[in-house]
Amino acid sequence: MTVLQHGGQLQTMVKRFGGVKEDWVDVSTGISPYTYPIALPPVESWQRLPEVSEQFTDAAGAYYGSELGLPIPGSQSVIQLLPQLCAQNGKTIGRVWLPRVGYKEHQKAWQGTAIPMYFYNDLPALSALTSNDMVVVINPNNPTGFMANQEQLFALANRLEQLSGMLIIDEAFMDCTPAHSMLTRPLLANMFILRSTGKFFGLAGIRLGMLFAQKQWLHHCAALLGPWTVNGPALHIAAQAFSDRVWQQQQRAKLDQDSTWLDNVLSEHLQIRSAGTALFRTIKTPHATRWFSHLCQHQIYVRLCDEKDALRFGLPLISQRRKLENAIASLPLLRE
């Protein structure tokens, strides 16, 4: 089985490059450095088997703008179950279209099947689609930051509906730009939309995401996942975070400011235009592998992208900025 490398494996980097964990700057993920302030969950959320309360349902519905949501133990849990979910419910998939550059767990999920995989750069052409195709769109893309607009996606969903196909939209990094979410549009019967709580709210450790789809698909997915998949404290914390509009506005403002700072630092020292979202910036460079090792030697952990031709930088804390900028400033010397 293929083991994919992701960011966030700081202990591995410390063992490989040395130093102590506390001295490292870990910007290898797109997780916000600002975590939603968690109040201690009530004792019953630890003591009782998890139940999805009305408070959670109402808060999630208001935050995402849709009542057709199922809490799941991270969006990854559904990504890896998609082939099984379709097969068990009589949904024929002819081909799967995947972004050539993007979160590789989508590709891995289909590698063990007999279903052919096709790869696209921005979006597949409508004329290239055939019966029972499934298209996976990461929007905005991780790590390129490419954002497909709603009109493009709605046209894609409609064409796939005509062909008995499906559209899977991974919106893990959409929270900073909620107006661009396809949840602001009618949810068609052939659409799945995945959302992550961990990125924007800085709560990756609670392993909570949401699947939005028509009710019959939500029932099928819930049955496949089994009971009690999302823990009680996570449901309680998320209900509070979804309801806290003031904090959300402040969070978006801080992330916009921080990503602008990072964008300027990369541009100033590397003369490379970065792309990405408010939660990460990505640069393409033929020096990616060498620069990655150099940064790690300076106790800066970034994400070396799968194609080995790009580096993705998450956001540092303000206290970590000087160390990160000094390390970035030293990179051009490696070109000589």
C-alpha atoms as a PDB file:
ATOM      1  CA  MET A   1       0.000   0.000   0.000  1.00  0.00           C
ATOM      2  CA  THR A   2       1.278   3.455  -0.939  1.00  0.00           C
ATOM      3  CA  VAL A   3       2.123   5.634   2.057  1.00  0.00           C
ATOM      4  CA  LEU A   4       1.775   9.303   1.192  1.00  0.00           C
ATOM      5  CA  GLN A   5       3.915  11.933   2.831  1.00  0.00           C
ATOM      6  CA  HIS A   6       2.009  14.839   4.372  1.00  0.00           C
ATOM      7  CA  GLY A   7       3.001  17.861   6.387  1.00  0.00           C
ATOM      8  CA  GLY A   8       2.758  17.859  10.155  1.00  0.00           C
ATOM      9  CA  GLN A   9       5.289  15.095  10.816  1.00  0.00           C
ATOM     10  CA  LEU A  10       7.479  17.309  12.935  1.00  0.00           C
ATOM     11  CA  GLN A  11       8.946  14.579  15.153  1.00  0.00           C
ATOM     12  CA  THR A  12      10.224  12.797  12.039  1.00  0.00           C
ATOM     13  CA  MET A  13      11.928  15.990  10.850  1.00  0.00           C
ATOM     14  CA  VAL A  14      13.510  16.583  14.262  1.00  0.00           C
ATOM     15  CA  LYS A  15      14.970  13.061  14.253  1.00  0.00           C
ATOM     16  CA  ARG A  16      16.261  13.528  10.711  1.00  0.00           C
ATOM     17  CA  PHE A  17      17.719  17.028  10.954  1.00  0.00           C
ATOM     18  CA  GLY A  18      18.344  17.458  14.671  1.00  0.00           C
ATOM     19  CA  GLY A  19      17.552  20.079  17.278  1.00  0.00           C
ATOM     20  CA  VAL A  20      14.681  20.034  19.715  1.00  0.00           C
ATOM     21  CA  LYS A  21      11.022  20.241  18.755  1.00  0.00           C
ATOM     22  CA  GLU A  22      10.441  23.523  20.581  1.00  0.00           C
ATOM     23  CA  ASP A  23      13.002  25.349  18.413  1.00  0.00           C
ATOM     24  CA  TRP A  24      11.428  24.379  15.095  1.00  0.00           C
ATOM     25  CA  VAL A  25       9.010  26.503  13.071  1.00  0.00           C
ATOM     26  CA  ASP A  26       6.458  24.112  11.610  1.00  0.00           C
ATOM     27  CA  VAL A  27       4.672  25.679   8.641  1.00  0.00           C
ATOM     28  CA  SER A  28       4.261  22.391   6.802  1.00  0.00           C
ATOM     29  CA  THR A  29       0.455  22.361   6.937  1.00  0.00           C
ATOM     30  CA  GLY A  30      -2.297  24.755   5.947  1.00  0.00           C
ATOM     31  CA  ILE A  31      -3.734  24.667   9.447  1.00  0.00           C
ATOM     32  CA  SER A  32      -4.315  28.068  11.013  1.00  0.00           C
ATOM     33  CA  PRO A  33      -1.774  28.953  13.713  1.00  0.00           C
ATOM     34  CA  TYR A  34      -4.656  30.563  15.628  1.00  0.00           C
ATOM     35  CA  THR A  35      -6.835  27.972  17.327  1.00  0.00           C
ATOM     36  CA  TYR A  36     -10.416  28.664  18.267  1.00  0.00           C
ATOM     37  CA  PRO A  37     -10.414  29.307  22.060  1.00  0.00           C
ATOM     38  CA  ILE A  38     -11.811  26.124  23.531  1.00  0.00           C
ATOM     39  CA  ALA A  39     -13.849  26.157  26.709  1.00  0.00           C
ATOM     40  CA  LEU A  40     -13.740  22.903  28.647  1.00  0.00           C
ATOM     41  CA  PRO A  41     -16.517  20.654  27.269  1.00  0.00           C
ATOM     42  CA  PRO A  42     -19.119  19.466  29.794  1.00  0.00           C
ATOM     43  CA  VAL A  43     -18.409  16.199  31.575  1.00  0.00           C
ATOM     44  CA  GLU A  44     -21.312  14.469  29.843  1.00  0.00           C
ATOM     45  CA  SER A  45     -19.662  14.977  26.440  1.00  0.00           C
ATOM     46  CA  TRP A  46     -16.842  12.724  27.671  1.00  0.00           C
ATOM     47  CA  GLN A  47     -19.034  10.358  29.639  1.00  0.00           C
ATOM     48  CA  ARG A  48     -21.905   9.664  27.240  1.00  0.00           C
ATOM     49  CA  LEU A  49     -21.852   8.068  23.807  1.00  0.00           C
ATOM     50  CA  PRO A  50     -21.748  10.861  21.207  1.00  0.00           C
ATOM     51  CA  GLU A  51     -25.038  12.326  20.017  1.00  0.00           C
ATOM     52  CA  VAL A  52     -25.500  14.967  17.333  1.00  0.00           C
ATOM     53  CA  SER A  53     -27.452  17.601  19.236  1.00  0.00           C
ATOM     54  CA  GLU A  54     -29.866  20.175  17.868  1.00  0.00           C
ATOM     55  CA  GLN A  55     -27.363  22.800  18.940  1.00  0.00           C
ATOM     56  CA  PHE A  56     -24.724  21.268  16.669  1.00  0.00           C
ATOM     57  CA  THR A  57     -27.135  20.752  13.760  1.00  0.00           C
ATOM     58  CA  ASP A  58     -28.439  24.320  13.960  1.00  0.00           C
ATOM     59  CA  ALA A  59     -24.960  25.826  14.311  1.00  0.00           C
ATOM     60  CA  ALA A  60     -23.513  23.799  11.417  1.00  0.00           C
ATOM     61  CA  GLY A  61     -26.511  24.561   9.210  1.00  0.00           C
ATOM     62  CA  ALA A  62     -26.216  28.285   9.852  1.00  0.00           C
ATOM     63  CA  TYR A  63     -22.436  28.355   9.382  1.00  0.00           C
ATOM     64  CA  TYR A  64     -22.357  26.365   6.136  1.00  0.00           C
ATOM     65  CA  GLY A  65     -25.686  27.558   4.785  1.00  0.00           C
ATOM     66  CA  SER A  66     -27.091  24.049   4.275  1.00  0.00           C
ATOM     67  CA  GLU A  67     -29.120  21.630   6.347  1.00  0.00           C
ATOM     68  CA  LEU A  68     -27.926  18.669   4.268  1.00  0.00           C
ATOM     69  CA  GLY A  69     -24.796  17.997   6.311  1.00  0.00           C
ATOM     70  CA  LEU A  70     -23.384  14.925   8.034  1.00  0.00           C
ATOM     71  CA  PRO A  71     -20.611  15.296  10.655  1.00  0.00           C
ATOM     72  CA  ILE A  72     -17.742  12.971   9.803  1.00  0.00           C
ATOM     73  CA  PRO A  73     -14.374  12.189  11.455  1.00  0.00           C
ATOM     74  CA  GLY A  74     -12.446  14.464   9.107  1.00  0.00           C
ATOM     75  CA  SER A  75     -13.035  14.791   5.368  1.00  0.00           C
ATOM     76  CA  GLN A  76     -10.307  12.191   4.813  1.00  0.00           C
ATOM     77  CA  SER A  77     -12.664   9.527   6.182  1.00  0.00           C
ATOM     78  CA  VAL A  78     -15.068   9.991   3.269  1.00  0.00           C
ATOM     79  CA  ILE A  79     -12.382  10.486   0.615  1.00  0.00           C
ATOM     80  CA  GLN A  80     -11.014   7.011   1.230  1.00  0.00           C
ATOM     81  CA  LEU A  81     -14.484   5.444   1.365  1.00  0.00           C
ATOM     82  CA  LEU A  82     -15.833   6.898  -1.893  1.00  0.00           C
ATOM     83  CA  PRO A  83     -15.190   3.793  -4.054  1.00  0.00           C
ATOM     84  CA  GLN A  84     -16.825   1.542  -1.471  1.00  0.00           C
ATOM     85  CA  LEU A  85     -19.706   3.957  -0.923  1.00  0.00           C
ATOM     86  CA  CYS A  86     -20.503   4.021  -4.645  1.00  0.00           C
ATOM     87  CA  ALA A  87     -20.100   0.254  -5.128  1.00  0.00           C
ATOM     88  CA  GLN A  88     -22.287  -0.690  -2.181  1.00  0.00           C
ATOM     89  CA  ASN A  89     -25.102   1.516  -3.394  1.00  0.00           C
ATOM     90  CA  GLY A  90     -25.166   0.474  -7.034  1.00  0.00           C
ATOM     91  CA  LYS A  91     -23.540   3.615  -8.393  1.00  0.00           C
ATOM     92  CA  THR A  92     -21.514   2.793 -11.496  1.00  0.00           C
ATOM     93  CA  ILE A  93     -18.377   4.886 -11.993  1.00  0.00           C
ATOM     94  CA  GLY A  94     -16.911   4.747 -15.491  1.00  0.00           C
ATOM     95  CA  ARG A  95     -13.866   6.967 -15.040  1.00  0.00           C
ATOM     96  CA  VAL A  96     -12.517   9.215 -12.296  1.00  0.00           C
ATOM     97  CA  TRP A  97     -11.121  12.638 -13.201  1.00  0.00           C
ATOM     98  CA  LEU A  98      -8.587  14.003 -10.723  1.00  0.00           C
ATOM     99  CA  PRO A  99      -6.469  17.180 -10.570  1.00  0.00           C
ATOM    100  CA  ARG A 100      -2.950  16.488 -11.802  1.00  0.00           C
ATOM    101  CA  VAL A 101      -1.628  18.520  -8.876  1.00  0.00           C
ATOM    102  CA  GLY A 102      -3.581  18.323  -5.637  1.00  0.00           C
ATOM    103  CA  TYR A 103      -4.220  16.441  -2.415  1.00  0.00           C
ATOM    104  CA  LYS A 104      -3.041  12.945  -3.384  1.00  0.00           C
ATOM    105  CA  GLU A 105      -5.303  11.028  -0.997  1.00  0.00           C
ATOM    106  CA  HIS A 106      -8.036  11.462  -3.619  1.00  0.00           C
ATOM    107  CA  GLN A 107      -5.916   9.602  -6.152  1.00  0.00           C
ATOM    108  CA  LYS A 108      -4.857   6.963  -3.636  1.00  0.00           C
ATOM    109  CA  ALA A 109      -8.497   6.159  -2.842  1.00  0.00           C
ATOM    110  CA  TRP A 110      -9.082   4.972  -6.423  1.00  0.00           C
ATOM    111  CA  GLN A 111      -5.758   3.259  -7.085  1.00  0.00           C
ATOM    112  CA  GLY A 112      -6.925  -0.088  -5.729  1.00  0.00           C
ATOM    113  CA  THR A 113      -9.936  -0.190  -8.032  1.00  0.00           C
ATOM    114  CA  ALA A 114     -10.276  -1.167 -11.689  1.00  0.00           C
ATOM    115  CA  ILE A 115     -11.713   2.257 -12.533  1.00  0.00           C
ATOM    116  CA  PRO A 116      -9.527   4.292 -14.915  1.00  0.00           C
ATOM    117  CA  MET A 117      -8.141   7.592 -13.646  1.00  0.00           C
ATOM    118  CA  TYR A 118      -7.788  10.646 -15.873  1.00  0.00           C
ATOM    119  CA  PHE A 119      -5.920  13.783 -14.858  1.00  0.00           C
ATOM    120  CA  TYR A 120      -6.626  17.434 -15.640  1.00  0.00           C
ATOM    121  CA  ASN A 121      -4.841  20.742 -15.024  1.00  0.00           C
ATOM    122  CA  ASP A 122      -7.610  23.268 -14.278  1.00  0.00           C
ATOM    123  CA  LEU A 123     -10.960  21.585 -14.966  1.00  0.00           C
ATOM    124  CA  PRO A 124     -11.812  18.844 -17.485  1.00  0.00           C
ATOM    125  CA  ALA A 125     -13.533  20.030 -20.650  1.00  0.00           C
ATOM    126  CA  LEU A 126     -17.263  19.293 -20.680  1.00  0.00           C
ATOM    127  CA  SER A 127     -16.864  17.717 -24.120  1.00  0.00           C
ATOM    128  CA  ALA A 128     -14.370  15.193 -22.715  1.00  0.00           C
ATOM    129  CA  LEU A 129     -16.827  13.719 -20.210  1.00  0.00           C
ATOM    130  CA  THR A 130     -18.643  10.446 -20.863  1.00  0.00           C
ATOM    131  CA  SER A 131     -21.309   8.346 -19.137  1.00  0.00           C
ATOM    132  CA  ASN A 132     -20.886   7.658 -15.416  1.00  0.00           C
ATOM    133  CA  ASP A 133     -17.777   9.829 -15.048  1.00  0.00           C
ATOM    134  CA  MET A 134     -16.845  11.149 -11.623  1.00  0.00           C
ATOM    135  CA  VAL A 135     -14.946  14.433 -11.366  1.00  0.00           C
ATOM    136  CA  VAL A 136     -13.049  15.349  -8.207  1.00  0.00           C
ATOM    137  CA  VAL A 137     -12.376  19.070  -7.749  1.00  0.00           C
ATOM    138  CA  ILE A 138     -10.283  20.478  -4.910  1.00  0.00           C
ATOM    139  CA  ASN A 139     -11.533  24.040  -4.554  1.00  0.00           C
ATOM    140  CA  PRO A 140      -9.486  26.011  -3.771  1.00  0.00           C
ATOM    141  CA  ASN A 141      -6.772  23.632  -4.855  1.00  0.00           C
ATOM    142  CA  ASN A 142      -4.166  22.477  -2.381  1.00  0.00           C
ATOM    143  CA  PRO A 143      -1.351  23.351  -3.053  1.00  0.00           C
ATOM    144  CA  THR A 144      -1.816  25.529  -6.171  1.00  0.00           C
ATOM    145  CA  GLY A 145      -4.585  27.755  -4.792  1.00  0.00           C
ATOM    146  CA  PHE A 146      -6.487  27.595  -8.099  1.00  0.00           C
ATOM    147  CA  MET A 147     -10.137  28.528  -7.524  1.00  0.00           C
ATOM    148  CA  ALA A 148     -12.779  27.356  -9.975  1.00  0.00           C
ATOM    149  CA  ASN A 149     -15.718  29.743 -10.081  1.00  0.00           C
ATOM    150  CA  GLN A 150     -19.252  28.712  -9.282  1.00  0.00           C
ATOM    151  CA  GLU A 151     -20.499  29.016 -12.850  1.00  0.00           C
ATOM    152  CA  GLN A 152     -17.826  26.604 -14.056  1.00  0.00           C
ATOM    153  CA  LEU A 153     -18.645  24.103 -11.340  1.00  0.00           C
ATOM    154  CA  PHE A 154     -22.392  24.374 -11.797  1.00  0.00           C
ATOM    155  CA  ALA A 155     -21.995  23.752 -15.537  1.00  0.00           C
ATOM    156  CA  LEU A 156     -19.787  20.763 -14.737  1.00  0.00           C
ATOM    157  CA  ALA A 157     -22.331  19.382 -12.254  1.00  0.00           C
ATOM    158  CA  ASN A 158     -25.179  19.781 -14.751  1.00  0.00           C
ATOM    159  CA  ARG A 159     -23.240  18.058 -17.524  1.00  0.00           C
ATOM    160  CA  LEU A 160     -22.347  15.176 -15.206  1.00  0.00           C
ATOM    161  CA  GLU A 161     -25.985  14.897 -14.138  1.00  0.00           C
ATOM    162  CA  GLN A 162     -26.949  14.447 -17.795  1.00  0.00           C
ATOM    163  CA  LEU A 163     -24.338  11.687 -18.043  1.00  0.00           C
ATOM    164  CA  SER A 164     -25.341   9.948 -14.753  1.00  0.00           C
ATOM    165  CA  GLY A 165     -22.005  11.083 -13.342  1.00  0.00           C
ATOM    166  CA  MET A 166     -20.935  12.615 -10.041  1.00  0.00           C
ATOM    167  CA  LEU A 167     -19.104  15.724  -8.891  1.00  0.00           C
ATOM    168  CA  ILE A 168     -17.029  15.629  -5.698  1.00  0.00           C
ATOM    169  CA  ILE A 169     -15.905  19.046  -4.436  1.00  0.00           C
ATOM    170  CA  ASP A 170     -13.306  19.160  -1.668  1.00  0.00           C
ATOM    171  CA  GLU A 171     -13.664  22.577  -0.013  1.00  0.00           C
ATOM    172  CA  ALA A 172     -11.241  21.951   2.860  1.00  0.00           C
ATOM    173  CA  PHE A 173      -9.711  25.437   2.419  1.00  0.00           C
ATOM    174  CA  MET A 174     -12.901  27.342   1.562  1.00  0.00           C
ATOM    175  CA  ASP A 175     -13.653  28.865   4.983  1.00  0.00           C
ATOM    176  CA  CYS A 176     -11.636  32.014   4.327  1.00  0.00           C
ATOM    177  CA  THR A 177     -13.745  32.724   1.216  1.00  0.00           C
ATOM    178  CA  PRO A 178     -17.201  31.315   2.045  1.00  0.00           C
ATOM    179  CA  ALA A 179     -18.968  33.314  -0.676  1.00  0.00           C
ATOM    180  CA  HIS A 180     -17.205  31.107  -3.263  1.00  0.00           C
ATOM    181  CA  SER A 181     -18.528  27.861  -1.760  1.00  0.00           C
ATOM    182  CA  MET A 182     -20.865  25.745  -3.854  1.00  0.00           C
ATOM    183  CA  LEU A 183     -22.990  25.470  -0.715  1.00  0.00           C
ATOM    184  CA  THR A 184     -24.365  28.868  -1.711  1.00  0.00           C
ATOM    185  CA  ARG A 185     -25.963  27.118  -4.726  1.00  0.00           C
ATOM    186  CA  PRO A 186     -28.633  24.400  -4.897  1.00  0.00           C
ATOM    187  CA  LEU A 187     -27.134  21.029  -3.985  1.00  0.00           C
ATOM    188  CA  LEU A 188     -27.740  18.717  -6.937  1.00  0.00           C
ATOM    189  CA  ALA A 189     -28.379  15.004  -6.469  1.00  0.00           C
ATOM    190  CA  ASN A 190     -25.017  14.090  -8.007  1.00  0.00           C
ATOM    191  CA  MET A 191     -22.898  16.411  -5.841  1.00  0.00           C
ATOM    192  CA  PHE A 192     -20.822  15.731  -2.736  1.00  0.00           C
ATOM    193  CA  ILE A 193     -19.219  18.681  -0.961  1.00  0.00           C
ATOM    194  CA  LEU A 194     -16.582  18.046   1.701  1.00  0.00           C
ATOM    195  CA  ARG A 195     -15.638  20.598   4.350  1.00  0.00           C
ATOM    196  CA  SER A 196     -12.956  20.540   7.033  1.00  0.00           C
ATOM    197  CA  THR A 197     -13.154  22.062  10.495  1.00  0.00           C
ATOM    198  CA  GLY A 198      -9.452  21.657  11.204  1.00  0.00           C
ATOM    199  CA  LYS A 199      -7.939  24.182   8.800  1.00  0.00           C
ATOM    200  CA  PHE A 200      -9.696  27.508   9.391  1.00  0.00           C
ATOM    201  CA  PHE A 201     -10.519  26.937  13.058  1.00  0.00           C
ATOM    202  CA  GLY A 202      -7.080  25.513  13.862  1.00  0.00           C
ATOM    203  CA  LEU A 203      -8.716  22.377  15.253  1.00  0.00           C
ATOM    204  CA  ALA A 204      -7.187  19.581  13.176  1.00  0.00           C
ATOM    205  CA  GLY A 205      -6.760  17.419  16.267  1.00  0.00           C
ATOM    206  CA  ILE A 206     -10.484  16.977  16.895  1.00  0.00           C
ATOM    207  CA  ARG A 207     -10.855  15.225  13.506  1.00  0.00           C
ATOM    208  CA  LEU A 208     -14.144  16.725  12.417  1.00  0.00           C
ATOM    209  CA  GLY A 209     -15.421  17.468   8.940  1.00  0.00           C
ATOM    210  CA  MET A 210     -18.751  17.684   7.149  1.00  0.00           C
ATOM    211  CA  LEU A 211     -20.199  15.930   4.133  1.00  0.00           C
ATOM    212  CA  PHE A 212     -22.951  17.734   2.227  1.00  0.00           C
ATOM    213  CA  ALA A 213     -25.078  15.693  -0.150  1.00  0.00           C
ATOM    214  CA  GLN A 214     -28.679  14.675  -0.726  1.00  0.00           C
ATOM    215  CA  LYS A 215     -30.231  12.783   2.172  1.00  0.00           C
ATOM    216  CA  GLN A 216     -30.062   9.313   0.650  1.00  0.00           C
ATOM    217  CA  TRP A 217     -26.296   9.639   0.222  1.00  0.00           C
ATOM    218  CA  LEU A 218     -25.909  10.952   3.773  1.00  0.00           C
ATOM    219  CA  HIS A 219     -27.783   7.896   5.072  1.00  0.00           C
ATOM    220  CA  HIS A 220     -25.598   5.557   3.006  1.00  0.00           C
ATOM    221  CA  CYS A 221     -22.419   7.239   4.208  1.00  0.00           C
ATOM    222  CA  ALA A 222     -23.513   7.224   7.858  1.00  0.00           C
ATOM    223  CA  ALA A 223     -24.245   3.499   7.605  1.00  0.00           C
ATOM    224  CA  LEU A 224     -20.836   2.802   6.089  1.00  0.00           C
ATOM    225  CA  LEU A 225     -18.975   4.867   8.683  1.00  0.00           C
ATOM    226  CA  GLY A 226     -20.829   3.197  11.543  1.00  0.00           C
ATOM    227  CA  PRO A 227     -22.014   4.612  14.872  1.00  0.00           C
ATOM    228  CA  TRP A 228     -20.233   7.142  17.088  1.00  0.00           C
ATOM    229  CA  THR A 229     -17.598   8.139  14.555  1.00  0.00           C
ATOM    230  CA  VAL A 230     -17.361  11.732  15.788  1.00  0.00           C
ATOM    231  CA  ASN A 231     -16.554  12.125  19.471  1.00  0.00           C
ATOM    232  CA  GLY A 232     -18.720  14.108  21.876  1.00  0.00           C
ATOM    233  CA  PRO A 233     -16.179  16.791  22.837  1.00  0.00           C
ATOM    234  CA  ALA A 234     -15.531  17.520  19.138  1.00  0.00           C
ATOM    235  CA  LEU A 235     -19.232  18.035  18.473  1.00  0.00           C
ATOM    236  CA  HIS A 236     -19.528  20.366  21.467  1.00  0.00           C
ATOM    237  CA  ILE A 237     -16.464  22.435  20.508  1.00  0.00           C
ATOM    238  CA  ALA A 238     -17.512  22.707  16.858  1.00  0.00           C
ATOM    239  CA  ALA A 239     -21.012  23.884  17.759  1.00  0.00           C
ATOM    240  CA  GLN A 240     -19.459  26.774  19.679  1.00  0.00           C
ATOM    241  CA  ALA A 241     -16.980  27.596  16.899  1.00  0.00           C
ATOM    242  CA  PHE A 242     -19.651  27.531  14.176  1.00  0.00           C
ATOM    243  CA  SER A 243     -21.787  29.975  16.177  1.00  0.00           C
ATOM    244  CA  ASP A 244     -19.049  32.498  17.000  1.00  0.00           C
ATOM    245  CA  ARG A 245     -19.389  34.956  14.111  1.00  0.00           C
ATOM    246  CA  VAL A 246     -17.274  37.665  15.752  1.00  0.00           C
ATOM    247  CA  TRP A 247     -14.315  35.306  16.136  1.00  0.00           C
ATOM    248  CA  GLN A 248     -14.737  34.088  12.553  1.00  0.00           C
ATOM    249  CA  GLN A 249     -14.559  37.653  11.192  1.00  0.00           C
ATOM    250  CA  GLN A 250     -11.486  38.390  13.294  1.00  0.00           C
ATOM    251  CA  GLN A 251      -9.880  35.128  12.169  1.00  0.00           C
ATOM    252  CA  ARG A 252     -10.383  35.924   8.480  1.00  0.00           C
ATOM    253  CA  ALA A 253      -8.869  39.370   8.952  1.00  0.00           C
ATOM    254  CA  LYS A 254      -5.789  37.974  10.741  1.00  0.00           C
ATOM    255  CA  LEU A 255      -5.254  35.244   8.165  1.00  0.00           C
ATOM    256  CA  ASP A 256      -5.523  37.753   5.315  1.00  0.00           C
ATOM    257  CA  GLN A 257      -2.926  39.983   6.978  1.00  0.00           C
ATOM    258  CA  ASP A 258      -0.573  37.104   7.717  1.00  0.00           C
ATOM    259  CA  SER A 259      -0.787  35.609   4.233  1.00  0.00           C
ATOM    260  CA  THR A 260      -0.073  39.058   2.748  1.00  0.00           C
ATOM    261  CA  TRP A 261       3.023  39.318   4.957  1.00  0.00           C
ATOM    262  CA  LEU A 262       4.184  35.865   3.833  1.00  0.00           C
ATOM    263  CA  ASP A 263       3.473  36.663   0.193  1.00  0.00           C
ATOM    264  CA  ASN A 264       5.577  39.828   0.465  1.00  0.00           C
ATOM    265  CA  VAL A 265       8.469  38.016   2.161  1.00  0.00           C
ATOM    266  CA  LEU A 266       8.600  35.323  -0.509  1.00  0.00           C
ATOM    267  CA  SER A 267       8.401  37.892  -3.291  1.00  0.00           C
ATOM    268  CA  GLU A 268      11.036  40.180  -1.794  1.00  0.00           C
ATOM    269  CA  HIS A 269      13.668  37.548  -1.080  1.00  0.00           C
ATOM    270  CA  LEU A 270      13.042  35.002  -3.809  1.00  0.00           C
ATOM    271  CA  GLN A 271      11.599  37.121  -6.629  1.00  0.00           C
ATOM    272  CA  ILE A 272       9.023  34.386  -7.102  1.00  0.00           C
ATOM    273  CA  ARG A 273       5.309  35.050  -7.230  1.00  0.00           C
ATOM    274  CA  SER A 274       3.464  32.800  -4.793  1.00  0.00           C
ATOM    275  CA  ALA A 275      -0.020  31.349  -5.142  1.00  0.00           C
ATOM    276  CA  GLY A 276      -2.369  29.772  -2.638  1.00  0.00           C
ATOM    277  CA  THR A 277      -4.998  30.799  -0.123  1.00  0.00           C
ATOM    278  CA  ALA A 278      -5.144  32.855   3.061  1.00  0.00           C
ATOM    279  CA  LEU A 279      -3.900  29.746   4.904  1.00  0.00           C
ATOM    280  CA  PHE A 280      -0.857  28.902   2.774  1.00  0.00           C
ATOM    281  CA  ARG A 281       1.365  30.218  -0.008  1.00  0.00           C
ATOM    282  CA  THR A 282       3.080  28.016  -2.604  1.00  0.00           C
ATOM    283  CA  ILE A 283       6.096  28.778  -4.780  1.00  0.00           C
ATOM    284  CA  LYS A 284       7.256  26.788  -7.796  1.00  0.00           C
ATOM    285  CA  THR A 285      11.003  26.363  -8.171  1.00  0.00           C
ATOM    286  CA  PRO A 286      13.447  23.871  -9.693  1.00  0.00           C
ATOM    287  CA  HIS A 287      15.372  24.189  -6.418  1.00  0.00           C
ATOM    288  CA  ALA A 288      12.489  22.826  -4.298  1.00  0.00           C
ATOM    289  CA  THR A 289      14.209  19.693  -2.966  1.00  0.00           C
ATOM    290  CA  ARG A 290      17.451  21.488  -2.148  1.00  0.00           C
ATOM    291  CA  TRP A 291      15.656  24.425  -0.573  1.00  0.00           C
ATOM    292  CA  PHE A 292      13.509  22.071   1.524  1.00  0.00           C
ATOM    293  CA  SER A 293      16.610  20.424   3.011  1.00  0.00           C
ATOM    294  CA  HIS A 294      18.249  23.802   3.623  1.00  0.00           C
ATOM    295  CA  LEU A 295      15.197  25.107   5.467  1.00  0.00           C
ATOM    296  CA  CYS A 296      15.019  21.957   7.584  1.00  0.00           C
ATOM    297  CA  GLN A 297      18.682  22.396   8.488  1.00  0.00           C
ATOM    298  CA  HIS A 298      17.632  25.803   9.797  1.00  0.00           C
ATOM    299  CA  GLN A 299      14.751  24.188  11.717  1.00  0.00           C
ATOM    300  CA  ILE A 300      12.083  25.460   9.329  1.00  0.00           C
ATOM    301  CA  TYR A 301       9.650  22.739   8.257  1.00  0.00           C
ATOM    302  CA  VAL A 302       7.722  23.472   5.057  1.00  0.00           C
ATOM    303  CA  ARG A 303       5.826  21.160   2.710  1.00  0.00           C
ATOM    304  CA  LEU A 304       7.817  19.746  -0.199  1.00  0.00           C
ATOM    305  CA  CYS A 305       5.042  19.186  -2.720  1.00  0.00           C
ATOM    306  CA  ASP A 306       4.563  15.767  -4.287  1.00  0.00           C
ATOM    307  CA  GLU A 307       5.944  16.757  -7.690  1.00  0.00           C
ATOM    308  CA  LYS A 308       9.152  17.991  -5.999  1.00  0.00           C
ATOM    309  CA  ASP A 309       8.933  21.261  -7.928  1.00  0.00           C
ATOM    310  CA  ALA A 310       7.208  23.440  -5.332  1.00  0.00           C
ATOM    311  CA  LEU A 311       7.246  24.389  -1.667  1.00  0.00           C
ATOM    312  CA  ARG A 312       4.137  25.223   0.337  1.00  0.00           C
ATOM    313  CA  PHE A 313       4.455  27.564   3.307  1.00  0.00           C
ATOM    314  CA  GLY A 314       1.808  27.660   5.997  1.00  0.00           C
ATOM    315  CA  LEU A 315       1.454  30.693   8.272  1.00  0.00           C
ATOM    316  CA  PRO A 316       3.836  31.197  11.198  1.00  0.00           C
ATOM    317  CA  LEU A 317       3.009  32.776  14.498  1.00  0.00           C
ATOM    318  CA  ILE A 318       4.150  36.393  14.742  1.00  0.00           C
ATOM    319  CA  SER A 319       6.874  35.301  17.190  1.00  0.00           C
ATOM    320  CA  GLN A 320       8.239  32.943  14.509  1.00  0.00           C
ATOM    321  CA  ARG A 321       8.342  35.432  11.649  1.00  0.00           C
ATOM    322  CA  ARG A 322      11.932  36.615  12.051  1.00  0.00           C
ATOM    323  CA  LYS A 323      13.357  33.096  12.079  1.00  0.00           C
ATOM    324  CA  LEU A 324      11.304  32.131   9.026  1.00  0.00           C
ATOM    325  CA  GLU A 325      12.195  35.274   7.079  1.00  0.00           C
ATOM    326  CA  ASN A 326      15.918  34.901   7.835  1.00  0.00           C
ATOM    327  CA  ALA A 327      15.853  31.333   6.533  1.00  0.00           C
ATOM    328  CA  ILE A 328      13.944  32.347   3.396  1.00  0.00           C
ATOM    329  CA  ALA A 329      16.402  35.194   2.787  1.00  0.00           C
ATOM    330  CA  SER A 330      19.282  32.692   2.744  1.00  0.00           C
ATOM    331  CA  LEU A 331      17.754  30.530   0.012  1.00  0.00           C
ATOM    332  CA  PRO A 332      18.904  32.509  -3.068  1.00  0.00           C
ATOM    333  CA  LEU A 333      22.528  31.780  -2.063  1.00  0.00           C
ATOM    334  CA  LEU A 334      21.875  28.136  -2.998  1.00  0.00           C
ATOM    335  CA  ARG A 335      21.361  29.110  -6.637  1.00  0.00           C
ATOM    336  CA  GLU A 336      25.044  29.921  -7.022  1.00  0.00           C
END
